[in-house]
């Protein structure tokens, strides 16, 4: 049996002139968020992996 994980979707407004290619912005933000949450002990490694959209 697989446990269902509850998720929350958020919208973030960012300046258009960030130095990240537009097509890579969402991926980059997901990875940065995952890293910081893991670093601060807010997210487990597994949670951070899911936030970043990475597989095992």
Foldseek 3Di string as FASTA:
>chain_A
DDDDDDDDDDDDDDDPPDPDPPVCVCLVVQLVVLVVCVVVVNDPNVRSCVSNVHDD
